[in-house]
Amino acid sequence: MFQKDLLQSKRILITGGGTGLGKATAERFLELGAEVYICGRRQEVLAATEHELRERTGGKIHSRPCDVRDAAAVEEMAEVIWSEGPLDVLMNNAAGNFLARTEELSLGAFQSVVGIVLMGTLHTTLAFGRRWLASARKGVVLNITTTYTTTGSAYVVPSAVAKAGVQALTRSLAVEWGNRGIRMNAIAPGPIPTEGAFSRLLPRPELAEAAKKRIPLGRFGTIEEFANLAAFLVSEGSGYINGEVVTMDGGEWLQGAGEFTALGRELTEKEWESMKPKPKKP
């Protein structure tokens, strides 16, 4: 479906690009001719991903450690990237999520998720958006939201709050910046197995099977499907799509609101205890 030069010469930054969906999308963008930057908080993970994807694709890839919660750090990263050439596409993929009973969450847990998901998206979008506007350049922003931004979902309240804000930001700036050549779109994925993150949200195999039964297509999505959709939305082929949130969940959202609501009621006390957010070292 995709020409090998679909993203030729496009310079793209993916936040949270060292693992999971970000890493898979970086690989696909490289295959389609893009020059890719990835950022995240763990330098060793980024370096390993950079080396792996360069070896696998032969493409141009660069990594920069950056905590998107830190506006100054984001601005510094943007300046370095821009000094090497203007960016064409920003994909805001960095996220944090965990299953938890809301009354047991600390304020810090809320701040961490909202800081990464909502404020991180705002920091990067403003850093590059201002540069696009100041230089009268076109740009594309692709945000990753979720299927429960409108309905909410029990047991993932910090994520629901933050992702709802990202969706509002996407649609608001699509209108405000669209006449100046900046497109804003989003993908709202349903369950897509990735290493690490998926196991934290579905701690037992039978819970994964139960989750599949709630999806009309009877299966989870794949990282390849996600990466292909992302490639289309950042390409010139979708040039008239602006302010859209594309749901990719096999029909799960239509079948029942609140992706994690039923799941959360199936967990044992021991499982709830094991999934409590662990304090991170400063």
C-alpha atoms as a PDB file:
ATOM      1  CA  MET A   1       0.000   0.000   0.000  1.00  0.00           C
ATOM      2  CA  PHE A   2       2.859   2.400   0.727  1.00  0.00           C
ATOM      3  CA  GLN A   3       5.452   3.659  -1.729  1.00  0.00           C
ATOM      4  CA  LYS A   4       8.995   3.370  -0.397  1.00  0.00           C
ATOM      5  CA  ASP A   5       9.503   7.126  -0.770  1.00  0.00           C
ATOM      6  CA  LEU A   6       6.237   8.079   0.954  1.00  0.00           C
ATOM      7  CA  LEU A   7       8.094  10.009   3.687  1.00  0.00           C
ATOM      8  CA  GLN A   8      11.270  10.767   1.729  1.00  0.00           C
ATOM      9  CA  SER A   9      13.251  13.667   3.236  1.00  0.00           C
ATOM     10  CA  LYS A  10      10.673  14.229   5.987  1.00  0.00           C
ATOM     11  CA  ARG A  11      12.292  15.007   9.335  1.00  0.00           C
ATOM     12  CA  ILE A  12      10.218  13.517  12.143  1.00  0.00           C
ATOM     13  CA  LEU A  13      10.455  13.556  15.946  1.00  0.00           C
ATOM     14  CA  ILE A  14       8.772  10.794  17.953  1.00  0.00           C
ATOM     15  CA  THR A  15       8.523  11.278  21.706  1.00  0.00           C
ATOM     16  CA  GLY A  16       8.671   8.066  23.696  1.00  0.00           C
ATOM     17  CA  GLY A  17      10.354   6.608  20.635  1.00  0.00           C
ATOM     18  CA  GLY A  18      12.647   4.132  22.362  1.00  0.00           C
ATOM     19  CA  THR A  19      10.115   1.394  23.030  1.00  0.00           C
ATOM     20  CA  GLY A  20       6.704   0.023  22.111  1.00  0.00           C
ATOM     21  CA  LEU A  21       4.533   1.824  19.591  1.00  0.00           C
ATOM     22  CA  GLY A  22       7.011   4.676  19.279  1.00  0.00           C
ATOM     23  CA  LYS A  23       9.834   2.335  18.345  1.00  0.00           C
ATOM     24  CA  ALA A  24       7.679   0.407  15.859  1.00  0.00           C
ATOM     25  CA  THR A  25       6.553   3.632  14.223  1.00  0.00           C
ATOM     26  CA  ALA A  26      10.104   4.948  14.034  1.00  0.00           C
ATOM     27  CA  GLU A  27      11.103   1.800  12.158  1.00  0.00           C
ATOM     28  CA  ARG A  28       8.219   2.178   9.698  1.00  0.00           C
ATOM     29  CA  PHE A  29       8.996   5.860   9.084  1.00  0.00           C
ATOM     30  CA  LEU A  30      12.628   4.965   8.378  1.00  0.00           C
ATOM     31  CA  GLU A  31      11.549   2.285   5.903  1.00  0.00           C
ATOM     32  CA  LEU A  32       9.492   4.914   4.093  1.00  0.00           C
ATOM     33  CA  GLY A  33      12.415   7.316   3.715  1.00  0.00           C
ATOM     34  CA  ALA A  34      12.104   9.642   6.693  1.00  0.00           C
ATOM     35  CA  GLU A  35      14.892  10.950   8.883  1.00  0.00           C
ATOM     36  CA  VAL A  36      13.803  10.174  12.422  1.00  0.00           C
ATOM     37  CA  TYR A  37      14.587  11.618  15.838  1.00  0.00           C
ATOM     38  CA  ILE A  38      13.497   9.721  18.943  1.00  0.00           C
ATOM     39  CA  CYS A  39      13.470  11.044  22.485  1.00  0.00           C
ATOM     40  CA  GLY A  40      12.715   9.656  25.920  1.00  0.00           C
ATOM     41  CA  ARG A  41      13.986   9.689  29.478  1.00  0.00           C
ATOM     42  CA  ARG A  42      16.284   6.625  29.381  1.00  0.00           C
ATOM     43  CA  GLN A  43      19.401   7.287  27.383  1.00  0.00           C
ATOM     44  CA  GLU A  44      20.547   3.658  27.307  1.00  0.00           C
ATOM     45  CA  VAL A  45      17.214   2.505  25.866  1.00  0.00           C
ATOM     46  CA  LEU A  46      17.272   5.248  23.232  1.00  0.00           C
ATOM     47  CA  ALA A  47      20.844   4.425  22.236  1.00  0.00           C
ATOM     48  CA  ALA A  48      20.020   0.736  21.865  1.00  0.00           C
ATOM     49  CA  THR A  49      16.960   1.502  19.743  1.00  0.00           C
ATOM     50  CA  GLU A  50      18.900   3.953  17.597  1.00  0.00           C
ATOM     51  CA  HIS A  51      21.598   1.349  16.909  1.00  0.00           C
ATOM     52  CA  GLU A  52      19.079  -1.449  16.264  1.00  0.00           C
ATOM     53  CA  LEU A  53      16.930   0.526  13.827  1.00  0.00           C
ATOM     54  CA  ARG A  54      19.912   1.963  11.966  1.00  0.00           C
ATOM     55  CA  GLU A  55      21.282  -1.540  11.471  1.00  0.00           C
ATOM     56  CA  ARG A  56      17.913  -2.937  10.449  1.00  0.00           C
ATOM     57  CA  THR A  57      16.775  -0.205   8.055  1.00  0.00           C
ATOM     58  CA  GLY A  58      19.922   1.650   7.039  1.00  0.00           C
ATOM     59  CA  GLY A  59      18.007   4.879   7.647  1.00  0.00           C
ATOM     60  CA  LYS A  60      18.909   8.142   9.333  1.00  0.00           C
ATOM     61  CA  ILE A  61      17.986   8.006  12.998  1.00  0.00           C
ATOM     62  CA  HIS A  62      19.085  10.131  15.963  1.00  0.00           C
ATOM     63  CA  SER A  63      18.265   9.873  19.657  1.00  0.00           C
ATOM     64  CA  ARG A  64      18.143  12.534  22.341  1.00  0.00           C
ATOM     65  CA  PRO A  65      17.342  12.015  26.013  1.00  0.00           C
ATOM     66  CA  CYS A  66      14.622  14.417  27.103  1.00  0.00           C
ATOM     67  CA  ASP A  67      11.954  14.470  29.794  1.00  0.00           C
ATOM     68  CA  VAL A  68       8.990  16.080  28.035  1.00  0.00           C
ATOM     69  CA  ARG A  69       7.590  17.185  31.402  1.00  0.00           C
ATOM     70  CA  ASP A  70      10.440  19.721  31.526  1.00  0.00           C
ATOM     71  CA  ALA A  71       9.596  22.647  29.231  1.00  0.00           C
ATOM     72  CA  ALA A  72      13.169  23.965  29.296  1.00  0.00           C
ATOM     73  CA  ALA A  73      14.571  20.562  28.317  1.00  0.00           C
ATOM     74  CA  VAL A  74      12.079  20.319  25.454  1.00  0.00           C
ATOM     75  CA  GLU A  75      13.038  23.777  24.223  1.00  0.00           C
ATOM     76  CA  GLU A  76      16.713  22.842  24.325  1.00  0.00           C
ATOM     77  CA  MET A  77      16.028  19.664  22.335  1.00  0.00           C
ATOM     78  CA  ALA A  78      13.954  21.596  19.797  1.00  0.00           C
ATOM     79  CA  GLU A  79      16.754  24.099  19.295  1.00  0.00           C
ATOM     80  CA  VAL A  80      19.317  21.352  18.669  1.00  0.00           C
ATOM     81  CA  ILE A  81      17.053  19.527  16.198  1.00  0.00           C
ATOM     82  CA  TRP A  82      16.082  22.732  14.391  1.00  0.00           C
ATOM     83  CA  SER A  83      19.699  23.804  14.093  1.00  0.00           C
ATOM     84  CA  GLU A  84      20.283  20.684  11.974  1.00  0.00           C
ATOM     85  CA  GLY A  85      17.283  21.464   9.771  1.00  0.00           C
ATOM     86  CA  PRO A  86      13.581  22.305  10.210  1.00  0.00           C
ATOM     87  CA  LEU A  87      11.331  19.552  11.515  1.00  0.00           C
ATOM     88  CA  ASP A  88       8.412  18.444   9.332  1.00  0.00           C
ATOM     89  CA  VAL A  89       6.453  16.154  11.646  1.00  0.00           C
ATOM     90  CA  LEU A  90       6.010  15.815  15.408  1.00  0.00           C
ATOM     91  CA  MET A  91       4.492  12.639  16.836  1.00  0.00           C
ATOM     92  CA  ASN A  92       3.550  12.982  20.499  1.00  0.00           C
ATOM     93  CA  ASN A  93       3.653   9.400  21.715  1.00  0.00           C
ATOM     94  CA  ALA A  94       5.236   9.647  25.207  1.00  0.00           C
ATOM     95  CA  ALA A  95       2.783   8.383  27.817  1.00  0.00           C
ATOM     96  CA  GLY A  96       2.346   6.840  31.224  1.00  0.00           C
ATOM     97  CA  ASN A  97      -0.520   4.666  32.434  1.00  0.00           C
ATOM     98  CA  PHE A  98      -1.338   2.058  35.066  1.00  0.00           C
ATOM     99  CA  LEU A  99      -4.385   0.393  36.547  1.00  0.00           C
ATOM    100  CA  ALA A 100      -5.187   1.760  39.974  1.00  0.00           C
ATOM    101  CA  ARG A 101      -8.105   2.460  42.265  1.00  0.00           C
ATOM    102  CA  THR A 102      -8.320   6.227  42.166  1.00  0.00           C
ATOM    103  CA  GLU A 103      -8.703   6.725  45.914  1.00  0.00           C
ATOM    104  CA  GLU A 104      -5.361   4.989  46.440  1.00  0.00           C
ATOM    105  CA  LEU A 105      -3.407   7.237  44.060  1.00  0.00           C
ATOM    106  CA  SER A 106      -1.120   9.930  45.369  1.00  0.00           C
ATOM    107  CA  LEU A 107      -1.150  13.423  43.935  1.00  0.00           C
ATOM    108  CA  GLY A 108       2.309  12.640  42.574  1.00  0.00           C
ATOM    109  CA  ALA A 109       0.918   9.744  40.524  1.00  0.00           C
ATOM    110  CA  PHE A 110      -1.608  12.089  38.912  1.00  0.00           C
ATOM    111  CA  GLN A 111       1.053  14.715  38.303  1.00  0.00           C
ATOM    112  CA  SER A 112       3.371  12.192  36.680  1.00  0.00           C
ATOM    113  CA  VAL A 113       0.805  10.981  34.126  1.00  0.00           C
ATOM    114  CA  VAL A 114      -0.650  14.419  33.419  1.00  0.00           C
ATOM    115  CA  GLY A 115       2.882  15.827  33.198  1.00  0.00           C
ATOM    116  CA  ILE A 116       4.019  13.320  30.594  1.00  0.00           C
ATOM    117  CA  VAL A 117       0.836  12.997  28.559  1.00  0.00           C
ATOM    118  CA  LEU A 118      -0.776  16.432  28.591  1.00  0.00           C
ATOM    119  CA  MET A 119       1.966  18.877  29.546  1.00  0.00           C
ATOM    120  CA  GLY A 120       4.589  16.947  27.571  1.00  0.00           C
ATOM    121  CA  THR A 121       2.412  17.136  24.463  1.00  0.00           C
ATOM    122  CA  LEU A 122       1.845  20.843  25.053  1.00  0.00           C
ATOM    123  CA  HIS A 123       5.577  21.525  25.543  1.00  0.00           C
ATOM    124  CA  THR A 124       6.657  19.827  22.331  1.00  0.00           C
ATOM    125  CA  THR A 125       3.745  21.159  20.276  1.00  0.00           C
ATOM    126  CA  LEU A 126       4.473  24.736  21.307  1.00  0.00           C
ATOM    127  CA  ALA A 127       8.229  24.368  20.857  1.00  0.00           C
ATOM    128  CA  PHE A 128       7.925  23.261  17.237  1.00  0.00           C
ATOM    129  CA  GLY A 129       4.641  25.000  16.458  1.00  0.00           C
ATOM    130  CA  ARG A 130       6.141  28.383  17.262  1.00  0.00           C
ATOM    131  CA  ARG A 131       9.088  27.637  14.997  1.00  0.00           C
ATOM    132  CA  TRP A 132       6.813  26.581  12.131  1.00  0.00           C
ATOM    133  CA  LEU A 133       4.703  29.709  12.527  1.00  0.00           C
ATOM    134  CA  ALA A 134       7.678  32.054  12.831  1.00  0.00           C
ATOM    135  CA  SER A 135       9.262  30.677   9.659  1.00  0.00           C
ATOM    136  CA  ALA A 136       5.952  30.291   7.773  1.00  0.00           C
ATOM    137  CA  ARG A 137       6.602  26.553   7.322  1.00  0.00           C
ATOM    138  CA  LYS A 138       4.052  23.798   7.083  1.00  0.00           C
ATOM    139  CA  GLY A 139       4.047  21.178   9.804  1.00  0.00           C
ATOM    140  CA  VAL A 140       2.174  18.086  10.955  1.00  0.00           C
ATOM    141  CA  VAL A 141       1.450  17.003  14.521  1.00  0.00           C
ATOM    142  CA  LEU A 142       0.187  13.505  15.274  1.00  0.00           C
ATOM    143  CA  ASN A 143      -0.952  12.953  18.845  1.00  0.00           C
ATOM    144  CA  ILE A 144      -1.681   9.574  20.407  1.00  0.00           C
ATOM    145  CA  THR A 145      -4.827   9.655  22.532  1.00  0.00           C
ATOM    146  CA  THR A 146      -7.112   6.811  23.586  1.00  0.00           C
ATOM    147  CA  THR A 147     -10.624   5.506  23.037  1.00  0.00           C
ATOM    148  CA  TYR A 148     -11.875   6.654  26.449  1.00  0.00           C
ATOM    149  CA  THR A 149     -11.228  10.396  26.099  1.00  0.00           C
ATOM    150  CA  THR A 150     -14.946  11.087  25.730  1.00  0.00           C
ATOM    151  CA  THR A 151     -16.438   8.462  28.013  1.00  0.00           C
ATOM    152  CA  GLY A 152     -13.713   8.299  30.640  1.00  0.00           C
ATOM    153  CA  SER A 153     -12.736   4.955  32.129  1.00  0.00           C
ATOM    154  CA  ALA A 154     -12.602   3.676  35.661  1.00  0.00           C
ATOM    155  CA  TYR A 155      -9.207   2.696  37.099  1.00  0.00           C
ATOM    156  CA  VAL A 156      -7.165   4.772  34.630  1.00  0.00           C
ATOM    157  CA  VAL A 157      -8.421   8.202  35.689  1.00  0.00           C
ATOM    158  CA  PRO A 158      -5.108  10.120  35.360  1.00  0.00           C
ATOM    159  CA  SER A 159      -4.733   8.820  31.806  1.00  0.00           C
ATOM    160  CA  ALA A 160      -8.356   9.597  30.939  1.00  0.00           C
ATOM    161  CA  VAL A 161      -7.997  13.162  32.221  1.00  0.00           C
ATOM    162  CA  ALA A 162      -4.694  13.766  30.416  1.00  0.00           C
ATOM    163  CA  LYS A 163      -5.687  12.163  27.119  1.00  0.00           C
ATOM    164  CA  ALA A 164      -8.958  14.108  27.058  1.00  0.00           C
ATOM    165  CA  GLY A 165      -6.859  17.260  27.290  1.00  0.00           C
ATOM    166  CA  VAL A 166      -4.671  16.097  24.396  1.00  0.00           C
ATOM    167  CA  GLN A 167      -7.759  15.486  22.270  1.00  0.00           C
ATOM    168  CA  ALA A 168      -9.052  18.988  23.016  1.00  0.00           C
ATOM    169  CA  LEU A 169      -5.630  20.449  22.195  1.00  0.00           C
ATOM    170  CA  THR A 170      -5.570  18.550  18.888  1.00  0.00           C
ATOM    171  CA  ARG A 171      -8.944  19.835  17.742  1.00  0.00           C
ATOM    172  CA  SER A 172      -8.433  23.364  19.030  1.00  0.00           C
ATOM    173  CA  LEU A 173      -5.089  23.913  17.301  1.00  0.00           C
ATOM    174  CA  ALA A 174      -6.330  22.228  14.120  1.00  0.00           C
ATOM    175  CA  VAL A 175      -8.653  25.213  13.780  1.00  0.00           C
ATOM    176  CA  GLU A 176      -6.306  27.884  15.119  1.00  0.00           C
ATOM    177  CA  TRP A 177      -3.220  26.859  13.129  1.00  0.00           C
ATOM    178  CA  GLY A 178      -4.780  25.174  10.109  1.00  0.00           C
ATOM    179  CA  ASN A 179      -4.905  28.329   7.987  1.00  0.00           C
ATOM    180  CA  ARG A 180      -1.175  28.700   8.546  1.00  0.00           C
ATOM    181  CA  GLY A 181      -0.310  25.275   7.215  1.00  0.00           C
ATOM    182  CA  ILE A 182      -0.137  23.183  10.373  1.00  0.00           C
ATOM    183  CA  ARG A 183      -2.233  20.014  10.504  1.00  0.00           C
ATOM    184  CA  MET A 184      -3.181  18.392  13.814  1.00  0.00           C
ATOM    185  CA  ASN A 185      -4.548  14.853  14.005  1.00  0.00           C
ATOM    186  CA  ALA A 186      -4.631  11.992  16.488  1.00  0.00           C
ATOM    187  CA  ILE A 187      -4.866   8.234  16.702  1.00  0.00           C
ATOM    188  CA  ALA A 188      -6.974   6.650  19.446  1.00  0.00           C
ATOM    189  CA  PRO A 189      -5.748   3.039  19.627  1.00  0.00           C
ATOM    190  CA  GLY A 190      -7.442   0.224  21.461  1.00  0.00           C
ATOM    191  CA  PRO A 191      -5.438  -2.658  22.941  1.00  0.00           C
ATOM    192  CA  ILE A 192      -2.186  -3.285  21.046  1.00  0.00           C
ATOM    193  CA  PRO A 193       0.273  -5.680  22.711  1.00  0.00           C
ATOM    194  CA  THR A 194       3.688  -4.143  23.364  1.00  0.00           C
ATOM    195  CA  GLU A 195       6.506  -5.284  25.597  1.00  0.00           C
ATOM    196  CA  GLY A 196       6.189  -4.037  29.170  1.00  0.00           C
ATOM    197  CA  ALA A 197       3.233  -1.653  29.028  1.00  0.00           C
ATOM    198  CA  PHE A 198       0.679  -4.252  27.997  1.00  0.00           C
ATOM    199  CA  SER A 199       1.538  -6.681  30.788  1.00  0.00           C
ATOM    200  CA  ARG A 200       1.081  -3.934  33.380  1.00  0.00           C
ATOM    201  CA  LEU A 201      -2.507  -3.383  32.226  1.00  0.00           C
ATOM    202  CA  LEU A 202      -3.399  -7.054  31.721  1.00  0.00           C
ATOM    203  CA  PRO A 203      -1.587  -9.003  34.472  1.00  0.00           C
ATOM    204  CA  ARG A 204      -3.280 -12.376  33.814  1.00  0.00           C
ATOM    205  CA  PRO A 205      -3.612 -14.298  30.494  1.00  0.00           C
ATOM    206  CA  GLU A 206      -7.326 -14.870  31.062  1.00  0.00           C
ATOM    207  CA  LEU A 207      -7.852 -11.116  31.366  1.00  0.00           C
ATOM    208  CA  ALA A 208      -6.333 -10.700  27.919  1.00  0.00           C
ATOM    209  CA  GLU A 209      -8.739 -13.308  26.549  1.00  0.00           C
ATOM    210  CA  ALA A 210     -11.658 -11.551  28.204  1.00  0.00           C
ATOM    211  CA  ALA A 211     -10.516  -8.266  26.671  1.00  0.00           C
ATOM    212  CA  LYS A 212     -10.483  -9.842  23.187  1.00  0.00           C
ATOM    213  CA  LYS A 213     -14.083 -10.952  23.638  1.00  0.00           C
ATOM    214  CA  ARG A 214     -15.114  -7.310  24.040  1.00  0.00           C
ATOM    215  CA  ILE A 215     -13.689  -6.490  20.599  1.00  0.00           C
ATOM    216  CA  PRO A 216     -16.021  -7.181  17.651  1.00  0.00           C
ATOM    217  CA  LEU A 217     -13.078  -8.279  15.481  1.00  0.00           C
ATOM    218  CA  GLY A 218     -12.084 -10.765  18.187  1.00  0.00           C
ATOM    219  CA  ARG A 219      -8.408  -9.809  18.362  1.00  0.00           C
ATOM    220  CA  PHE A 220      -5.983  -7.107  19.454  1.00  0.00           C
ATOM    221  CA  GLY A 221      -4.423  -4.649  17.051  1.00  0.00           C
ATOM    222  CA  THR A 222      -0.823  -5.002  15.895  1.00  0.00           C
ATOM    223  CA  ILE A 223       2.059  -2.571  16.035  1.00  0.00           C
ATOM    224  CA  GLU A 224       2.390  -2.861  12.255  1.00  0.00           C
ATOM    225  CA  GLU A 225      -1.214  -1.707  11.775  1.00  0.00           C
ATOM    226  CA  PHE A 226      -0.625   1.204  14.114  1.00  0.00           C
ATOM    227  CA  ALA A 227       2.613   2.239  12.393  1.00  0.00           C
ATOM    228  CA  ASN A 228       0.994   2.117   8.959  1.00  0.00           C
ATOM    229  CA  LEU A 229      -1.883   4.320  10.094  1.00  0.00           C
ATOM    230  CA  ALA A 230       0.587   6.788  11.594  1.00  0.00           C
ATOM    231  CA  ALA A 231       2.567   6.840   8.335  1.00  0.00           C
ATOM    232  CA  PHE A 232      -0.550   7.668   6.350  1.00  0.00           C
ATOM    233  CA  LEU A 233      -1.641  10.451   8.704  1.00  0.00           C
ATOM    234  CA  VAL A 234       1.721  12.241   8.604  1.00  0.00           C
ATOM    235  CA  SER A 235       2.111  11.844   4.833  1.00  0.00           C
ATOM    236  CA  GLU A 236       1.018  14.196   2.056  1.00  0.00           C
ATOM    237  CA  GLY A 237      -1.617  11.617   1.153  1.00  0.00           C
ATOM    238  CA  SER A 238      -3.710  12.758   4.117  1.00  0.00           C
ATOM    239  CA  GLY A 239      -3.190  16.453   3.417  1.00  0.00           C
ATOM    240  CA  TYR A 240      -6.895  17.342   3.748  1.00  0.00           C
ATOM    241  CA  ILE A 241      -7.352  15.549   7.084  1.00  0.00           C
ATOM    242  CA  ASN A 242      -7.145  18.051   9.942  1.00  0.00           C
ATOM    243  CA  GLY A 243      -8.535  17.915  13.476  1.00  0.00           C
ATOM    244  CA  GLU A 244      -9.479  14.255  13.157  1.00  0.00           C
ATOM    245  CA  VAL A 245      -9.155  11.575  15.858  1.00  0.00           C
ATOM    246  CA  VAL A 246      -8.925   8.190  14.134  1.00  0.00           C
ATOM    247  CA  THR A 247     -10.126   5.343  16.333  1.00  0.00           C
ATOM    248  CA  MET A 248      -8.283   2.080  15.766  1.00  0.00           C
ATOM    249  CA  ASP A 249      -9.738  -0.514  18.117  1.00  0.00           C
ATOM    250  CA  GLY A 250     -11.544  -3.191  16.121  1.00  0.00           C
ATOM    251  CA  GLY A 251     -14.894  -1.696  17.146  1.00  0.00           C
ATOM    252  CA  GLU A 252     -14.345  -2.041  20.909  1.00  0.00           C
ATOM    253  CA  TRP A 253     -15.349   1.536  21.659  1.00  0.00           C
ATOM    254  CA  LEU A 254     -18.708   1.086  19.953  1.00  0.00           C
ATOM    255  CA  GLN A 255     -19.418  -2.053  21.949  1.00  0.00           C
ATOM    256  CA  GLY A 256     -18.973  -0.593  25.402  1.00  0.00           C
ATOM    257  CA  ALA A 257     -17.594   2.521  27.059  1.00  0.00           C
ATOM    258  CA  GLY A 258     -14.691   2.568  29.495  1.00  0.00           C
ATOM    259  CA  GLU A 259     -12.036   0.176  28.251  1.00  0.00           C
ATOM    260  CA  PHE A 260     -10.758  -0.802  31.711  1.00  0.00           C
ATOM    261  CA  THR A 261     -13.976  -0.558  33.741  1.00  0.00           C
ATOM    262  CA  ALA A 262     -14.991  -4.221  33.559  1.00  0.00           C
ATOM    263  CA  LEU A 263     -11.386  -5.398  33.724  1.00  0.00           C
ATOM    264  CA  GLY A 264     -10.729  -3.562  36.974  1.00  0.00           C
ATOM    265  CA  ARG A 265     -13.531  -5.433  38.703  1.00  0.00           C
ATOM    266  CA  GLU A 266     -11.892  -8.775  37.891  1.00  0.00           C
ATOM    267  CA  LEU A 267      -8.598  -8.112  39.684  1.00  0.00           C
ATOM    268  CA  THR A 268      -7.741  -9.671  43.044  1.00  0.00           C
ATOM    269  CA  GLU A 269      -6.491  -7.678  46.022  1.00  0.00           C
ATOM    270  CA  LYS A 270      -3.037  -9.163  45.485  1.00  0.00           C
ATOM    271  CA  GLU A 271      -3.017  -7.997  41.875  1.00  0.00           C
ATOM    272  CA  TRP A 272      -4.132  -4.513  42.848  1.00  0.00           C
ATOM    273  CA  GLU A 273      -1.326  -4.404  45.395  1.00  0.00           C
ATOM    274  CA  SER A 274       1.278  -5.548  42.859  1.00  0.00           C
ATOM    275  CA  MET A 275       0.256  -2.880  40.351  1.00  0.00           C
ATOM    276  CA  LYS A 276       0.449   0.110  42.672  1.00  0.00           C
ATOM    277  CA  PRO A 277       2.749   2.779  41.219  1.00  0.00           C
ATOM    278  CA  LYS A 278       6.235   2.460  42.674  1.00  0.00           C
ATOM    279  CA  PRO A 279       7.986   5.685  43.753  1.00  0.00           C
ATOM    280  CA  LYS A 280      10.658   6.627  41.224  1.00  0.00           C
ATOM    281  CA  LYS A 281      14.112   7.696  42.225  1.00  0.00           C
ATOM    282  CA  PRO A 282      14.747  11.401  41.591  1.00  0.00           C
END
